[in-house]
Protein backbone atom coordinates (compact mmCIF):
# COMPACT_ATOMS: atom_id res chain seq x y z
CA MET A 1 0.15 0.20 0.47
CA GLU A 2 1.44 3.45 -0.90
CA LEU A 3 1.70 6.01 1.48
CA THR A 4 0.33 9.38 0.52
CA SER A 5 2.08 12.21 1.39
CA SER A 6 -0.59 13.81 4.12
CA GLN A 7 0.31 10.42 6.17
CA ILE A 8 4.12 10.47 5.20
CA ASN A 9 4.56 13.73 7.25
CA LYS A 10 1.66 12.84 9.79
CA ASN A 11 4.13 9.98 10.49
CA VAL A 12 6.87 12.12 10.59
CA SER A 13 5.81 14.67 13.00
CA ASP A 14 4.32 11.54 15.35
CA THR A 15 7.97 10.46 15.78
CA ILE A 16 9.12 13.81 16.04
CA LYS A 17 6.98 14.42 19.17
CA PHE A 18 7.37 11.00 20.35
CA HIS A 19 11.01 10.96 20.75
CA ARG A 20 10.98 14.53 22.41
CA ILE A 21 8.50 13.61 24.61
CA GLN A 22 10.84 10.29 25.63
CA ARG A 23 13.65 12.80 26.16
CA ARG A 24 11.75 14.61 28.48
CA LEU A 25 12.73 17.61 26.17
CA SER A 26 10.40 20.98 25.59
CA LEU A 27 9.74 22.58 22.34
CA SER A 28 12.04 25.17 22.99
CA GLU A 29 15.02 23.08 24.21
CA LEU A 30 14.82 20.80 20.65
CA GLY A 31 14.15 23.38 18.77
CA ARG A 32 17.61 25.23 19.83
CA MET A 33 19.23 22.00 19.51
CA ILE A 34 18.82 22.11 15.59
CA ASN A 35 18.58 26.33 15.71
CA ILE A 36 14.72 26.47 15.38
CA THR A 37 12.50 28.77 16.77
CA GLN A 38 9.72 26.90 19.44
CA GLN A 39 7.26 27.90 17.42
CA GLN A 40 8.92 26.26 14.00
CA MET A 41 9.36 23.03 15.84
CA SER A 42 5.44 23.50 16.99
CA ARG A 43 4.45 23.39 13.00
CA TYR A 44 6.64 20.54 12.45
CA GLU A 45 5.07 18.40 15.67
CA LEU A 46 1.95 19.49 14.94
CA ASN A 47 1.92 18.92 10.75
CA ILE A 48 1.20 22.11 9.64
CA SER A 49 4.28 22.71 8.32
CA GLN A 50 6.63 20.23 6.34
CA LEU A 51 9.71 19.51 7.09
CA ASN A 52 12.23 19.42 5.46
CA VAL A 53 15.70 17.30 5.10
CA VAL A 54 18.43 19.04 6.71
CA TYR A 55 15.80 19.49 9.92
CA LEU A 56 14.93 15.56 9.86
CA TYR A 57 19.00 14.92 9.34
CA LYS A 58 19.64 16.84 12.99
CA LEU A 59 16.52 15.89 14.13
CA SER A 60 18.69 11.96 13.60
CA LYS A 61 21.09 13.35 15.05
CA VAL A 62 19.53 14.17 18.27
CA PHE A 63 17.48 11.72 18.99
CA ASP A 64 20.52 8.86 17.85
CA ILE A 65 17.66 7.25 15.17
CA ASP A 66 18.26 6.40 11.45
CA THR A 67 15.97 8.69 9.55
CA CYS A 68 14.24 5.60 8.05
CA SER A 69 12.97 5.72 11.93
CA PHE A 70 10.66 8.81 10.98
CA TYR A 71 9.19 6.61 8.95
CA THR A 72 6.94 3.60 9.29
CA ASN A 73 6.57 1.95 6.17
CA ARG A 74 10.17 0.78 5.30
CA ASP A 75 9.43 1.11 1.77
CA LEU A 76 9.87 4.42 1.62
CA CYS A 77 13.45 3.95 3.18
CA ILE A 78 17.08 3.28 1.18
CA ASN A 79 18.85 0.76 1.83
CA ARG A 80 22.26 1.40 1.49
CA ASP A 81 23.66 -2.19 0.64
CA ASP A 82 21.63 -2.97 -2.89
């Protein structure tokens, strides 16, 4: 089943919120870690704004996770071993 762009963005925003809460970070703290405002971090987490790949990469480093972890559909991930 192919996901819509809306579903993909929702998966990403839900993953951000999950990892932020798990690490007990405020939106302000997380925003500072990747050099964006609390307001913009909130927009990403609420799926109001789409996250660009640079911030997705920065968040993966902060959360110490692979960028593929932002997606529930593993088909969206590129297998570098192929």
